[in-house]
Amino acid sequence: MAQNMTDYQQEKENFQWNVPEYFNFAEHIIDKWAEEPDKLAMLWVDEDDHEIRRTFKDFSQRSKQLANILTHKGIKAGDVVILIMPRYIEWWETFLACLRVGAIVSPGTVQLTVKDLAYRIETAAAAAIITDQRTAEKIDEIKEELSTVKVKMVVENPREGWLHYQTELQQYPEDFKSIKTRSDEPAILFFTSGTTGNPKMTLHTHSSYPYAHKVTGKYWLDLIPEDLHWNLSDTGWGKAAWSSLFGPWHMGAALFVHHETRFKTKRCLEILQKYPITTLCGAPTNYRMLVLEDLTQYKFPSLRSCTGAGEPLNPEVINTWQEATGITIRDGYGQTETVLVIGNFPCVPVRPGSMGKPAPGFEVEVIDDAGNILPPGKEGDIAIKIRPERPAGLFKEYWQEPERTQNCFRGNWYITGDRAVKDEDGYFWFVGRSDDVILAAGYRIGPFEVESTLIEHPAVAESAVVSSPDELRGEIVKAFVVLTEGYQPSPQLVKELQDYVKSVTAPYKYPREIEFVDSLPKTVSGKIRRVQLREMEWAKKGKKS
C-alpha cells in the first residue's frame, strides 16, 4: 500500500514550498510524464461502457494542437477562456492548452442558465468560450454580453457560428512551445457562490493551484504513478481541479473518468467492482447515498483508499463504509480559495467526524475576533497563517474586488469563513459556516452535529439543519429530513427523531421543528445549500435571516 507520508510531525517540520520563479503545469508536469510514451493518463468510460484510453503523450500532443489554434485565433496570455462541458476528454485537453498559452481558465458547470452565462462572460470580459452543444445553444441566446469574445468553439457536432473542436484540431501541428509563465501570474478564475449577491471571482495563479495541489495529491490522496484514481465530482467546480486534474497528475496517477448524466449508486458500486480503481474521492452526499445500498453484495478488489471533501462527513457514514469495505474514508478540508489545508492523512489515526490535522505547508489555527489563537476546546474561526510566509496554496484575490479580498484577512491570518474547535491533540472539528451557526436562546449550535445525529437514525437518509426565527428564543433548530425507503412522515416520527437527538446530543440542540422533504437543494458539487433553506424558512415567517 502506498504511503507518501509516514511521519506526520517530521513532514510538517521539514516541508518547504520551493516555488520556482516560472511554472507551467502543462509543460513541467504533463510533458514530463509524456516522456514515457505508453504511460496511461486516463481511462474514460461512458454510460454504455464504451472505453477510451489516453496516455500522457496523447494529452501533451492534443493540448499543444489546441494551444496552436488558440494562439492563431488571437488568444494571448491573460485572456479569459470560459470552459464548460461535461466529463468529456476535451475538458482536460482544453484546460492544459489554456495553461500553455498563459490564458486564464474559467471553468463552469453545464447546469448554468443563460443568465448565469451572460453574467460570467461579461464580468470576466471573456475572450473565448469552449463548450458543449447544450451550453452553446444557451450562449446563442446571448447577444450584448459577447462583445469581448474572439473565439467560440464547440465539441461534438459542428454548429453554425462556432469553430468545431475536432475539425480544427486536425489542421494544427502537435508542436507548441509553451509560454514561459511566472508562478505568480493568473491561471484560473473560479466563480464561487457567496451567501449574498452575485458569485465571487476567485483568482488563482500558476503556483496557488496548479503547483500547490501537489500537497493534495501527495499527502491526502496519497497517490503513486501506478494508481487509477476516480473522483466523482463534476468538472464545473474547484474539486475537479483538486482531484481530477492537478493532484493526481502531479503524482503521475491515471484518472478514471465516468461520463454520466447523473450519479447512480448501484452503477458506482458496479464500476468499483469491475475496474481496477485503487483510490476513490467523493462528496459526502455520494457516500451517504452509497451506504444506503446493500454493500455486502459488492467486492472492491483493487480499492485501497477513500477520501471525502466538500463538507464534513458524518461519523455514522464513515463507520458503515469501514465495516463494509475495510477502508476508512479520510475527510479533507479546503476551499475553492485553497488547496487541501486540513486532512486525515494515512499515517495519522482517523477520528470519525474530525476534519483532521493541518497539511504540510500550512499553519492553521482556530482564532478569535482579535486574531488571537484560542486554546483547545474553544470555538472560533478557522484561519491560515500568511505571515511571515504566505503559503503557495492560497488564492491571489477576489478579482476586481479589493475590499472583499481585504475582508478575508485579519492581522497575520486568512479567515476561511468556517468555524471549528481544535482538540488537545491538534485535530480540528467542524462547527459550521460562520453564517450557518444557529443562536438559540443564547446557545451556539452547529448544524453539522445535529445532522450527524439525525443520520444515525434508520429513518433518515439525509438531513439539513438551519435556523428558524422564533419570538421567544430568537432562533430555533429546524431540520429538513429526507426519509429512507419504507418510512412515512408522521407526527409520531417527528417526536421519535426529536427524542433521539435529545438522547444523543445536548438536549438544547434538538430540532424543535422537522419538515419532511423529497430532496435537499445542493450545489453542483453536492454540498447541501443550507443558505437556500434558511432564507426560505425566514422569508416564510416574514423575517430576515
Protein backbone atom coordinates (compact mmCIF):
# COMPACT_ATOMS: atom_id res chain seq x y z
CA MET A 1 0.00 0.00 0.00
CA ALA A 2 1.33 3.44 -0.94
CA GLN A 3 2.05 5.92 1.78
CA ASN A 4 3.82 9.12 0.82
CA MET A 5 4.00 10.37 4.41
CA THR A 6 4.96 8.01 7.23
CA ASP A 7 5.80 10.57 9.94
CA TYR A 8 3.33 13.46 10.04
CA GLN A 9 5.24 15.64 12.50
CA GLN A 10 8.53 15.26 10.71
CA GLU A 11 6.98 16.04 7.32
CA LYS A 12 5.29 19.15 8.72
CA GLU A 13 8.53 20.43 10.21
CA ASN A 14 10.68 19.75 7.15
CA PHE A 15 8.25 20.87 4.45
CA GLN A 16 9.22 23.75 2.16
CA TRP A 17 7.22 25.07 -0.75
CA ASN A 18 10.20 25.82 -3.03
CA VAL A 19 8.02 27.53 -5.62
CA PRO A 20 10.03 28.13 -8.81
CA GLU A 21 10.04 31.56 -10.43
CA TYR A 22 8.42 30.11 -13.56
CA PHE A 23 5.96 27.23 -13.61
CA ASN A 24 3.60 25.82 -16.22
CA PHE A 25 1.75 22.65 -15.26
CA ALA A 26 1.24 21.51 -18.86
CA GLU A 27 4.93 21.80 -19.68
CA HIS A 28 6.60 20.88 -16.39
CA ILE A 29 4.26 18.07 -15.29
CA ILE A 30 2.30 16.68 -18.25
CA ASP A 31 5.19 16.84 -20.73
CA LYS A 32 7.45 15.22 -18.13
CA TRP A 33 5.13 12.20 -17.73
CA ALA A 34 4.68 12.14 -21.53
CA GLU A 35 8.35 11.16 -21.84
CA GLU A 36 7.06 7.67 -21.02
CA PRO A 37 5.07 7.27 -24.26
CA ASP A 38 2.80 4.45 -23.07
CA LYS A 39 2.07 5.83 -19.59
CA LEU A 40 -1.70 5.82 -19.02
CA ALA A 41 -3.20 9.19 -18.04
CA MET A 42 -6.91 8.41 -18.32
CA LEU A 43 -9.35 5.54 -18.62
CA TRP A 44 -12.62 7.10 -19.80
CA VAL A 45 -15.89 5.14 -19.72
CA ASP A 46 -19.36 6.30 -20.72
CA GLU A 47 -22.79 5.09 -19.64
CA ASP A 48 -22.80 2.46 -22.41
CA ASP A 49 -19.46 1.02 -21.25
CA HIS A 50 -17.50 2.42 -24.20
CA GLU A 51 -13.89 2.79 -23.11
CA ILE A 52 -11.20 5.22 -24.28
CA ARG A 53 -7.62 5.09 -23.01
CA ARG A 54 -5.41 8.17 -23.26
CA THR A 55 -1.71 8.45 -22.40
CA PHE A 56 0.09 11.49 -21.06
CA LYS A 57 1.67 11.74 -24.50
CA ASP A 58 -1.83 12.00 -26.04
CA PHE A 59 -2.74 14.85 -23.70
CA SER A 60 0.58 16.56 -24.33
CA GLN A 61 0.18 16.46 -28.11
CA ARG A 62 -3.52 17.33 -28.33
CA SER A 63 -3.23 20.22 -25.86
CA LYS A 64 -0.35 21.59 -27.96
CA GLN A 65 -2.54 21.41 -31.08
CA LEU A 66 -5.29 23.32 -29.30
CA ALA A 67 -2.76 25.84 -27.99
CA ASN A 68 -1.75 26.48 -31.60
CA ILE A 69 -5.41 27.05 -32.53
CA LEU A 70 -5.97 29.49 -29.67
CA THR A 71 -2.81 31.43 -30.46
CA HIS A 72 -3.66 31.57 -34.17
CA LYS A 73 -7.16 32.87 -33.34
CA GLY A 74 -5.76 35.69 -31.23
CA ILE A 75 -5.97 34.31 -27.68
CA LYS A 76 -3.00 35.53 -25.67
CA ALA A 77 -1.62 35.41 -22.13
CA GLY A 78 -4.03 36.96 -19.62
CA ASP A 79 -7.16 36.39 -21.75
CA VAL A 80 -10.06 34.63 -20.00
CA VAL A 81 -11.33 31.39 -21.56
CA ILE A 82 -14.71 30.12 -20.35
CA LEU A 83 -14.57 26.31 -20.25
CA ILE A 84 -17.87 24.49 -19.81
CA MET A 85 -18.55 20.87 -20.70
CA PRO A 86 -19.41 17.58 -19.03
CA ARG A 87 -16.77 14.94 -18.36
CA TYR A 88 -15.52 14.96 -21.95
CA ILE A 89 -11.85 14.24 -22.57
CA GLU A 90 -11.72 17.63 -24.34
CA TRP A 91 -12.22 19.34 -20.95
CA TRP A 92 -8.75 18.18 -19.84
CA GLU A 93 -7.18 18.97 -23.21
CA THR A 94 -8.60 22.49 -23.14
CA PHE A 95 -7.52 23.19 -19.57
CA LEU A 96 -3.95 22.20 -20.43
CA ALA A 97 -3.96 24.19 -23.68
CA CYS A 98 -5.05 27.34 -21.88
CA LEU A 99 -2.24 26.94 -19.35
CA ARG A 100 0.23 26.52 -22.22
CA VAL A 101 -0.72 29.85 -23.81
CA GLY A 102 -0.89 31.67 -20.46
CA ALA A 103 -4.66 32.21 -20.73
CA ILE A 104 -6.84 32.24 -17.62
CA VAL A 105 -9.17 29.22 -17.47
CA SER A 106 -12.63 29.85 -16.04
CA PRO A 107 -14.45 26.51 -15.57
CA GLY A 108 -18.20 26.27 -15.10
CA THR A 109 -20.92 23.67 -14.81
CA VAL A 110 -23.24 22.68 -17.66
CA GLN A 111 -26.12 23.50 -15.32
CA LEU A 112 -25.54 27.25 -15.71
CA THR A 113 -28.50 29.20 -17.07
CA VAL A 114 -28.43 31.76 -19.87
CA LYS A 115 -28.42 34.50 -17.23
CA ASP A 116 -25.50 32.85 -15.38
CA LEU A 117 -23.52 32.54 -18.58
CA ALA A 118 -24.16 36.14 -19.61
CA TYR A 119 -23.01 37.36 -16.19
CA ARG A 120 -19.80 35.33 -16.31
CA ILE A 121 -18.89 36.24 -19.87
CA GLU A 122 -19.47 39.95 -19.32
CA THR A 123 -17.95 40.20 -15.83
CA ALA A 124 -14.79 38.30 -16.78
CA ALA A 125 -14.58 40.02 -20.19
CA ALA A 126 -14.10 36.56 -21.67
CA ALA A 127 -12.07 36.30 -24.88
CA ALA A 128 -13.04 32.71 -25.68
CA ILE A 129 -15.69 30.10 -24.94
CA ILE A 130 -15.05 26.38 -25.40
CA THR A 131 -18.09 24.31 -24.63
CA ASP A 132 -20.57 21.53 -25.40
CA GLN A 133 -23.65 21.66 -27.63
CA ARG A 134 -26.14 22.26 -24.84
CA THR A 135 -24.26 25.25 -23.46
CA ALA A 136 -23.62 26.61 -26.98
CA GLU A 137 -27.39 26.73 -27.50
CA LYS A 138 -27.75 28.89 -24.38
CA ILE A 139 -24.90 31.18 -25.41
CA ASP A 140 -26.53 31.71 -28.80
CA GLU A 141 -29.38 33.38 -26.90
CA ILE A 142 -26.92 35.98 -25.59
CA LYS A 143 -26.01 38.95 -27.76
CA GLU A 144 -24.78 42.11 -26.00
CA GLU A 145 -22.52 40.35 -23.48
CA LEU A 146 -20.38 38.70 -26.18
CA SER A 147 -18.57 41.87 -27.30
CA THR A 148 -15.20 40.72 -25.90
CA VAL A 149 -15.42 37.16 -27.27
CA LYS A 150 -12.99 36.39 -30.12
CA VAL A 151 -13.33 32.62 -30.21
CA LYS A 152 -16.35 30.35 -29.82
CA MET A 153 -15.56 26.65 -30.10
CA VAL A 154 -17.89 23.68 -29.68
CA VAL A 155 -17.17 19.98 -29.20
CA GLU A 156 -19.28 17.08 -30.58
CA ASN A 157 -21.13 18.19 -33.73
CA PRO A 158 -20.41 21.24 -35.92
CA ARG A 159 -22.57 24.31 -35.16
CA GLU A 160 -23.21 27.42 -37.22
CA GLY A 161 -21.20 30.40 -35.99
CA TRP A 162 -18.85 28.22 -33.95
CA LEU A 163 -15.45 26.67 -34.59
CA HIS A 164 -15.67 22.89 -34.46
CA TYR A 165 -13.14 21.48 -31.99
CA GLN A 166 -12.46 18.14 -33.68
CA THR A 167 -12.20 19.63 -37.20
CA GLU A 168 -9.90 22.45 -36.14
CA LEU A 169 -7.62 20.14 -34.17
CA GLN A 170 -6.75 18.11 -37.27
CA GLN A 171 -5.39 21.21 -39.01
CA TYR A 172 -2.75 22.21 -36.48
CA PRO A 173 0.64 20.72 -35.55
CA GLU A 174 1.43 18.81 -32.34
CA ASP A 175 4.40 21.05 -31.65
CA PHE A 176 3.99 24.13 -29.44
CA LYS A 177 6.42 25.96 -27.20
CA SER A 178 4.52 26.79 -24.01
CA ILE A 179 4.51 30.39 -22.84
CA LYS A 180 7.02 30.98 -20.03
CA THR A 181 4.52 31.71 -17.27
CA ARG A 182 5.63 33.21 -13.98
CA SER A 183 4.39 31.31 -10.93
CA ASP A 184 2.60 34.44 -9.66
CA GLU A 185 0.73 35.13 -12.91
CA PRO A 186 -3.04 34.45 -13.13
CA ALA A 187 -4.03 30.97 -14.32
CA ILE A 188 -7.57 30.07 -13.13
CA LEU A 189 -10.71 32.06 -12.40
CA PHE A 190 -13.45 30.31 -10.41
CA PHE A 191 -16.89 31.80 -9.92
CA THR A 192 -17.88 30.71 -6.43
CA SER A 193 -21.26 31.33 -4.79
CA GLY A 194 -21.46 33.50 -1.72
CA THR A 195 -24.36 33.73 0.72
CA THR A 196 -25.47 37.03 -0.80
CA GLY A 197 -25.19 38.75 -4.17
CA ASN A 198 -23.55 37.51 -7.32
CA PRO A 199 -20.80 34.87 -7.37
CA LYS A 200 -17.30 35.92 -6.34
CA MET A 201 -14.48 35.63 -8.87
CA THR A 202 -11.70 33.68 -7.19
CA LEU A 203 -8.40 34.19 -8.98
CA HIS A 204 -5.59 31.63 -8.75
CA THR A 205 -2.03 31.86 -10.02
CA HIS A 206 0.11 29.11 -11.57
CA SER A 207 1.56 28.42 -8.12
CA SER A 208 -1.58 28.64 -5.96
CA TYR A 209 -3.46 25.77 -7.67
CA PRO A 210 -1.54 24.02 -10.49
CA TYR A 211 1.70 23.88 -8.45
CA ALA A 212 0.41 23.74 -4.86
CA HIS A 213 -2.01 20.86 -5.43
CA LYS A 214 0.98 18.54 -5.23
CA VAL A 215 0.22 18.69 -1.48
CA THR A 216 -3.31 17.42 -2.20
CA GLY A 217 -2.10 14.63 -4.48
CA LYS A 218 0.86 13.50 -2.40
CA TYR A 219 -0.27 13.72 1.21
CA TRP A 220 -4.07 13.47 1.20
CA LEU A 221 -4.97 11.49 -1.92
CA ASP A 222 -1.72 9.58 -1.25
CA LEU A 223 -1.22 8.74 -4.92
CA ILE A 224 1.61 7.00 -6.74
CA PRO A 225 2.21 6.57 -10.52
CA GLU A 226 0.63 3.10 -10.51
CA ASP A 227 -2.73 4.29 -9.16
CA LEU A 228 -6.05 4.56 -11.01
CA HIS A 229 -7.90 7.39 -9.27
CA TRP A 230 -11.63 8.10 -9.51
CA ASN A 231 -13.02 11.45 -8.41
CA LEU A 232 -16.82 11.59 -8.57
CA SER A 233 -17.14 15.35 -8.88
CA ASP A 234 -18.43 17.35 -11.82
CA THR A 235 -15.98 19.31 -13.98
CA GLY A 236 -17.73 22.57 -13.14
CA TRP A 237 -16.28 23.27 -9.71
CA GLY A 238 -12.97 23.55 -7.89
CA LYS A 239 -12.95 19.95 -6.69
CA ALA A 240 -12.34 18.77 -10.27
CA ALA A 241 -9.14 20.81 -10.37
CA TRP A 242 -8.20 19.35 -6.97
CA SER A 243 -8.85 15.69 -7.59
CA SER A 244 -9.47 15.21 -11.31
CA LEU A 245 -6.52 17.16 -12.62
CA PHE A 246 -3.70 18.71 -10.61
CA GLY A 247 -3.47 16.42 -7.57
CA PRO A 248 -3.44 13.07 -9.44
CA TRP A 249 -1.38 14.16 -12.45
CA HIS A 250 1.30 15.75 -10.25
CA MET A 251 1.84 12.22 -8.93
CA GLY A 252 1.65 10.53 -12.31
CA ALA A 253 -1.52 8.63 -11.39
CA ALA A 254 -4.06 7.74 -14.08
CA LEU A 255 -7.57 9.15 -13.88
CA PHE A 256 -10.69 7.03 -14.12
CA VAL A 257 -13.46 9.15 -15.63
CA HIS A 258 -17.08 8.02 -15.81
CA HIS A 259 -19.11 10.20 -18.13
CA GLU A 260 -22.65 10.10 -16.75
CA THR A 261 -25.67 12.38 -16.72
CA ARG A 262 -26.31 11.85 -13.01
CA PHE A 263 -24.83 9.91 -10.12
CA LYS A 264 -26.31 6.44 -9.65
CA THR A 265 -25.32 4.49 -6.55
CA LYS A 266 -25.65 0.96 -7.96
CA ARG A 267 -23.73 1.93 -11.09
CA CYS A 268 -20.98 3.46 -8.95
CA LEU A 269 -20.63 0.27 -6.90
CA GLU A 270 -20.61 -1.89 -10.04
CA ILE A 271 -17.81 0.22 -11.53
CA LEU A 272 -15.73 -0.04 -8.36
CA GLN A 273 -16.16 -3.80 -8.57
CA LYS A 274 -15.39 -4.07 -12.30
CA TYR A 275 -12.42 -1.72 -12.87
CA PRO A 276 -9.02 -1.69 -11.11
CA ILE A 277 -9.74 1.59 -9.34
CA THR A 278 -7.35 2.00 -6.41
CA THR A 279 -8.42 5.33 -4.94
CA LEU A 280 -11.85 6.98 -4.70
CA CYS A 281 -12.70 10.58 -3.89
CA GLY A 282 -16.28 11.81 -3.48
CA ALA A 283 -18.52 14.33 -1.81
CA PRO A 284 -20.19 13.32 1.48
CA THR A 285 -23.50 13.18 -0.40
CA ASN A 286 -22.06 10.42 -2.62
CA TYR A 287 -21.01 8.33 0.38
CA ARG A 288 -24.30 8.95 2.20
CA MET A 289 -26.11 7.55 -0.83
CA LEU A 290 -23.73 4.60 -1.22
CA VAL A 291 -24.14 3.35 2.35
CA LEU A 292 -27.90 3.08 1.82
CA GLU A 293 -27.21 0.22 -0.61
CA ASP A 294 -26.55 -3.38 0.46
CA LEU A 295 -22.76 -3.19 0.39
CA THR A 296 -22.40 -6.90 1.21
CA GLN A 297 -23.30 -7.62 -2.42
CA TYR A 298 -20.13 -5.95 -3.72
CA LYS A 299 -16.39 -6.53 -3.55
CA PHE A 300 -13.80 -3.92 -4.48
CA PRO A 301 -10.61 -5.92 -5.05
CA SER A 302 -8.36 -3.02 -6.10
CA LEU A 303 -9.66 -0.26 -3.85
CA ARG A 304 -7.23 0.82 -1.12
CA SER A 305 -8.07 4.43 -0.25
CA CYS A 306 -11.21 6.60 0.01
CA THR A 307 -11.36 10.34 0.64
CA GLY A 308 -14.22 12.79 1.04
CA ALA A 309 -14.40 16.58 0.78
CA GLY A 310 -16.84 19.40 0.22
CA GLU A 311 -18.43 19.35 3.66
CA PRO A 312 -17.81 17.24 6.79
CA LEU A 313 -18.62 13.56 6.58
CA ASN A 314 -20.86 12.10 9.26
CA PRO A 315 -19.18 9.55 11.59
CA GLU A 316 -22.05 7.10 11.02
CA VAL A 317 -21.32 7.02 7.27
CA ILE A 318 -17.58 6.57 7.86
CA ASN A 319 -18.28 3.65 10.22
CA THR A 320 -20.77 1.95 7.87
CA TRP A 321 -18.39 2.18 4.91
CA GLN A 322 -15.48 0.93 7.00
CA GLU A 323 -17.44 -2.09 8.23
CA ALA A 324 -18.44 -2.99 4.66
CA THR A 325 -15.14 -2.35 2.84
CA GLY A 326 -12.43 -2.31 5.49
CA ILE A 327 -11.48 1.19 4.29
CA THR A 328 -11.83 4.32 6.43
CA ILE A 329 -12.96 7.37 4.46
CA ARG A 330 -10.46 10.14 5.15
CA ASP A 331 -12.11 13.54 5.30
CA GLY A 332 -10.29 16.56 3.88
CA TYR A 333 -10.88 20.28 4.13
CA GLY A 334 -10.14 23.14 1.78
CA GLN A 335 -11.99 25.72 -0.27
CA THR A 336 -12.22 27.00 -3.81
CA GLU A 337 -9.76 29.58 -2.47
CA THR A 338 -7.24 26.96 -1.27
CA VAL A 339 -5.75 23.56 -1.88
CA LEU A 340 -6.05 20.86 0.83
CA VAL A 341 -5.28 22.64 4.12
CA ILE A 342 -6.60 20.21 6.77
CA GLY A 343 -6.99 16.48 6.32
CA ASN A 344 -6.99 12.98 7.68
CA PHE A 345 -3.75 11.52 6.35
CA PRO A 346 -2.95 7.80 6.03
CA CYS A 347 -0.25 7.91 8.72
CA VAL A 348 -2.47 9.76 11.23
CA PRO A 349 -5.27 7.87 13.08
CA VAL A 350 -8.70 8.97 11.85
CA ARG A 351 -11.13 10.32 14.42
CA PRO A 352 -14.51 9.92 12.70
CA GLY A 353 -16.21 13.28 12.33
CA SER A 354 -12.95 15.24 12.62
CA MET A 355 -11.53 17.32 9.79
CA GLY A 356 -8.07 16.00 10.69
CA LYS A 357 -4.85 17.99 11.08
CA PRO A 358 -3.20 20.80 9.07
CA ALA A 359 -1.48 19.74 5.84
CA PRO A 360 2.27 20.16 5.43
CA GLY A 361 2.92 23.68 4.20
CA PHE A 362 0.12 25.25 6.24
CA GLU A 363 -0.10 26.69 9.73
CA VAL A 364 -3.78 26.55 10.63
CA GLU A 365 -5.35 27.62 13.91
CA VAL A 366 -8.68 28.46 15.50
CA ILE A 367 -8.63 32.18 16.34
CA ASP A 368 -10.86 34.80 17.97
CA ASP A 369 -12.13 38.13 16.59
CA ALA A 370 -8.88 39.85 17.57
CA GLY A 371 -6.67 37.32 15.79
CA ASN A 372 -5.57 35.51 18.95
CA ILE A 373 -5.07 31.73 18.86
CA LEU A 374 -7.73 30.07 21.00
CA PRO A 375 -6.99 27.24 23.44
CA PRO A 376 -8.22 23.68 22.73
CA GLY A 377 -11.97 23.27 23.14
CA LYS A 378 -12.83 26.88 22.26
CA GLU A 379 -14.83 27.60 19.11
CA GLY A 380 -13.52 30.20 16.69
CA ASP A 381 -12.65 31.00 13.09
CA ILE A 382 -10.52 28.60 11.06
CA ALA A 383 -7.57 30.71 9.95
CA ILE A 384 -4.46 30.12 7.83
CA LYS A 385 -1.27 31.99 8.76
CA ILE A 386 0.02 34.16 5.90
CA ARG A 387 2.92 35.94 7.61
CA PRO A 388 5.88 35.88 7.64
CA GLU A 389 5.46 33.45 4.71
CA ARG A 390 2.29 33.21 2.63
CA PRO A 391 1.65 29.55 1.68
CA ALA A 392 1.58 28.76 -2.03
CA GLY A 393 -1.83 27.11 -1.98
CA LEU A 394 -3.88 30.23 -1.33
CA PHE A 395 -5.76 32.23 -3.95
CA LYS A 396 -4.42 35.58 -5.15
CA GLU A 397 -7.58 37.65 -4.74
CA TYR A 398 -11.26 38.08 -5.43
CA TRP A 399 -10.81 39.54 -8.88
CA GLN A 400 -11.76 43.22 -9.20
CA GLU A 401 -12.98 43.30 -5.58
CA PRO A 402 -10.14 44.62 -3.38
CA GLU A 403 -12.45 45.36 -0.42
CA ARG A 404 -13.90 41.84 -0.39
CA THR A 405 -10.38 40.43 -0.64
CA GLN A 406 -9.18 42.58 2.25
CA ASN A 407 -12.11 41.46 4.43
CA CYS A 408 -10.75 37.89 4.33
CA PHE A 409 -7.64 38.85 6.27
CA ARG A 410 -7.20 39.58 9.97
CA GLY A 411 -3.69 40.55 11.00
CA ASN A 412 -1.40 37.65 10.08
CA TRP A 413 -4.30 35.38 9.15
CA TYR A 414 -6.54 34.46 6.21
CA ILE A 415 -10.06 33.86 7.56
CA THR A 416 -11.79 30.96 5.82
CA GLY A 417 -15.32 31.84 6.95
CA ASP A 418 -15.68 28.46 8.66
CA ARG A 419 -15.91 27.79 12.39
CA ALA A 420 -14.24 24.95 14.28
CA VAL A 421 -12.87 23.68 17.57
CA LYS A 422 -9.37 22.24 17.92
CA ASP A 423 -8.87 19.47 20.48
CA GLU A 424 -5.90 18.77 22.77
CA ASP A 425 -4.27 16.54 20.13
CA GLY A 426 -4.46 19.05 17.29
CA TYR A 427 -7.49 17.60 15.48
CA PHE A 428 -9.97 20.13 14.06
CA TRP A 429 -13.73 19.64 14.48
CA PHE A 430 -16.05 21.50 12.11
CA VAL A 431 -18.85 23.59 13.64
CA GLY A 432 -20.28 25.25 10.53
CA ARG A 433 -20.03 28.19 8.20
CA SER A 434 -19.91 31.43 10.14
CA ASP A 435 -23.36 32.23 8.76
CA ASP A 436 -24.74 28.71 9.40
CA VAL A 437 -24.24 28.71 13.17
CA ILE A 438 -27.59 28.79 14.99
CA LEU A 439 -28.02 31.06 18.02
CA ALA A 440 -30.90 29.66 20.09
CA ALA A 441 -31.70 31.20 23.47
CA GLY A 442 -28.04 32.12 23.94
CA TYR A 443 -26.71 28.72 22.83
CA ARG A 444 -24.49 28.40 19.74
CA ILE A 445 -25.46 25.28 17.80
CA GLY A 446 -23.53 23.93 14.82
CA PRO A 447 -25.87 22.32 12.25
CA PHE A 448 -23.44 19.54 11.39
CA GLU A 449 -23.61 17.92 14.83
CA VAL A 450 -27.41 17.74 14.68
CA GLU A 451 -27.31 16.41 11.10
CA SER A 452 -24.77 13.76 12.09
CA THR A 453 -27.03 12.61 14.91
CA LEU A 454 -30.15 12.50 12.73
CA ILE A 455 -28.45 10.43 10.04
CA GLU A 456 -27.68 7.73 12.62
CA HIS A 457 -31.43 7.08 12.91
CA PRO A 458 -32.54 4.37 10.44
CA ALA A 459 -35.40 6.52 9.14
CA VAL A 460 -33.11 9.32 7.95
CA ALA A 461 -31.37 9.21 4.56
CA GLU A 462 -30.27 12.87 4.59
CA SER A 463 -30.89 15.97 6.61
CA ALA A 464 -30.14 19.68 6.59
CA VAL A 465 -30.34 21.75 9.74
CA VAL A 466 -30.88 25.51 9.71
CA SER A 467 -32.09 28.29 11.98
CA SER A 468 -35.75 29.25 12.04
CA PRO A 469 -36.98 32.52 13.59
CA ASP A 470 -38.69 32.24 16.97
CA GLU A 471 -40.22 35.03 19.05
CA LEU A 472 -39.11 33.53 22.36
CA ARG A 473 -35.67 32.12 21.60
CA GLY A 474 -34.62 34.33 18.68
CA GLU A 475 -33.86 31.23 16.63
CA ILE A 476 -34.68 27.56 16.90
CA VAL A 477 -33.20 24.49 15.25
CA LYS A 478 -35.17 23.25 12.27
CA ALA A 479 -34.38 20.04 10.38
CA PHE A 480 -35.32 19.21 6.81
CA VAL A 481 -35.32 15.42 6.55
CA VAL A 482 -35.26 13.02 3.58
CA LEU A 483 -36.57 9.63 4.71
CA THR A 484 -35.14 6.25 3.80
CA GLU A 485 -37.29 3.83 1.85
CA GLY A 486 -40.05 2.26 3.92
CA TYR A 487 -40.62 5.21 6.27
CA GLN A 488 -43.53 7.63 6.05
CA PRO A 489 -43.86 11.14 7.53
CA SER A 490 -45.93 11.30 10.70
CA PRO A 491 -46.19 13.31 13.93
CA GLN A 492 -45.03 10.16 15.75
CA LEU A 493 -41.86 10.02 13.65
CA VAL A 494 -41.20 13.72 14.32
CA LYS A 495 -41.30 13.06 18.07
CA GLU A 496 -39.19 9.93 17.70
CA LEU A 497 -36.48 11.85 15.86
CA GLN A 498 -36.58 14.72 18.35
CA ASP A 499 -36.25 12.33 21.27
CA TYR A 500 -33.42 10.53 19.52
CA VAL A 501 -31.42 13.74 19.08
CA LYS A 502 -32.06 14.69 22.71
CA SER A 503 -30.72 11.32 23.84
CA VAL A 504 -27.53 11.56 21.75
CA THR A 505 -26.58 15.25 21.96
CA ALA A 506 -27.17 18.02 24.46
CA PRO A 507 -30.97 18.40 24.77
CA TYR A 508 -30.93 22.07 23.75
CA LYS A 509 -29.67 21.04 20.29
CA TYR A 510 -32.69 19.00 19.25
CA PRO A 511 -34.72 20.22 16.24
CA ARG A 512 -37.88 21.86 17.54
CA GLU A 513 -39.29 21.70 14.04
CA ILE A 514 -38.90 18.89 11.49
CA GLU A 515 -40.09 19.09 7.90
CA PHE A 516 -40.03 16.00 5.69
CA VAL A 517 -38.92 16.66 2.09
CA ASP A 518 -38.27 14.54 -1.01
CA SER A 519 -34.84 16.06 -1.62
CA LEU A 520 -32.46 18.77 -0.41
CA PRO A 521 -31.16 21.66 -2.53
CA LYS A 522 -27.50 21.12 -3.39
CA THR A 523 -24.72 22.83 -5.27
CA VAL A 524 -23.30 21.07 -8.33
CA SER A 525 -20.50 19.83 -6.06
CA GLY A 526 -23.01 18.03 -3.86
CA LYS A 527 -22.91 20.41 -0.89
CA ILE A 528 -26.24 20.96 0.83
CA ARG A 529 -27.36 24.55 0.28
CA ARG A 530 -28.36 25.36 3.85
CA VAL A 531 -28.38 29.03 2.94
CA GLN A 532 -31.27 28.45 0.50
CA LEU A 533 -33.28 26.53 3.08
CA ARG A 534 -32.57 29.12 5.75
CA GLU A 535 -33.59 32.04 3.55
CA MET A 536 -36.81 30.25 2.55
CA GLU A 537 -37.56 29.50 6.18
CA TRP A 538 -37.04 33.06 7.37
CA ALA A 539 -38.94 34.55 4.42
CA LYS A 540 -41.85 32.19 5.13
CA LYS A 541 -42.11 33.59 8.63
CA GLY A 542 -41.75 37.18 7.46
CA LYS A 543 -38.27 37.63 8.90
CA LYS A 544 -34.83 38.44 7.53
CA SER A 545 -32.02 35.98 8.32
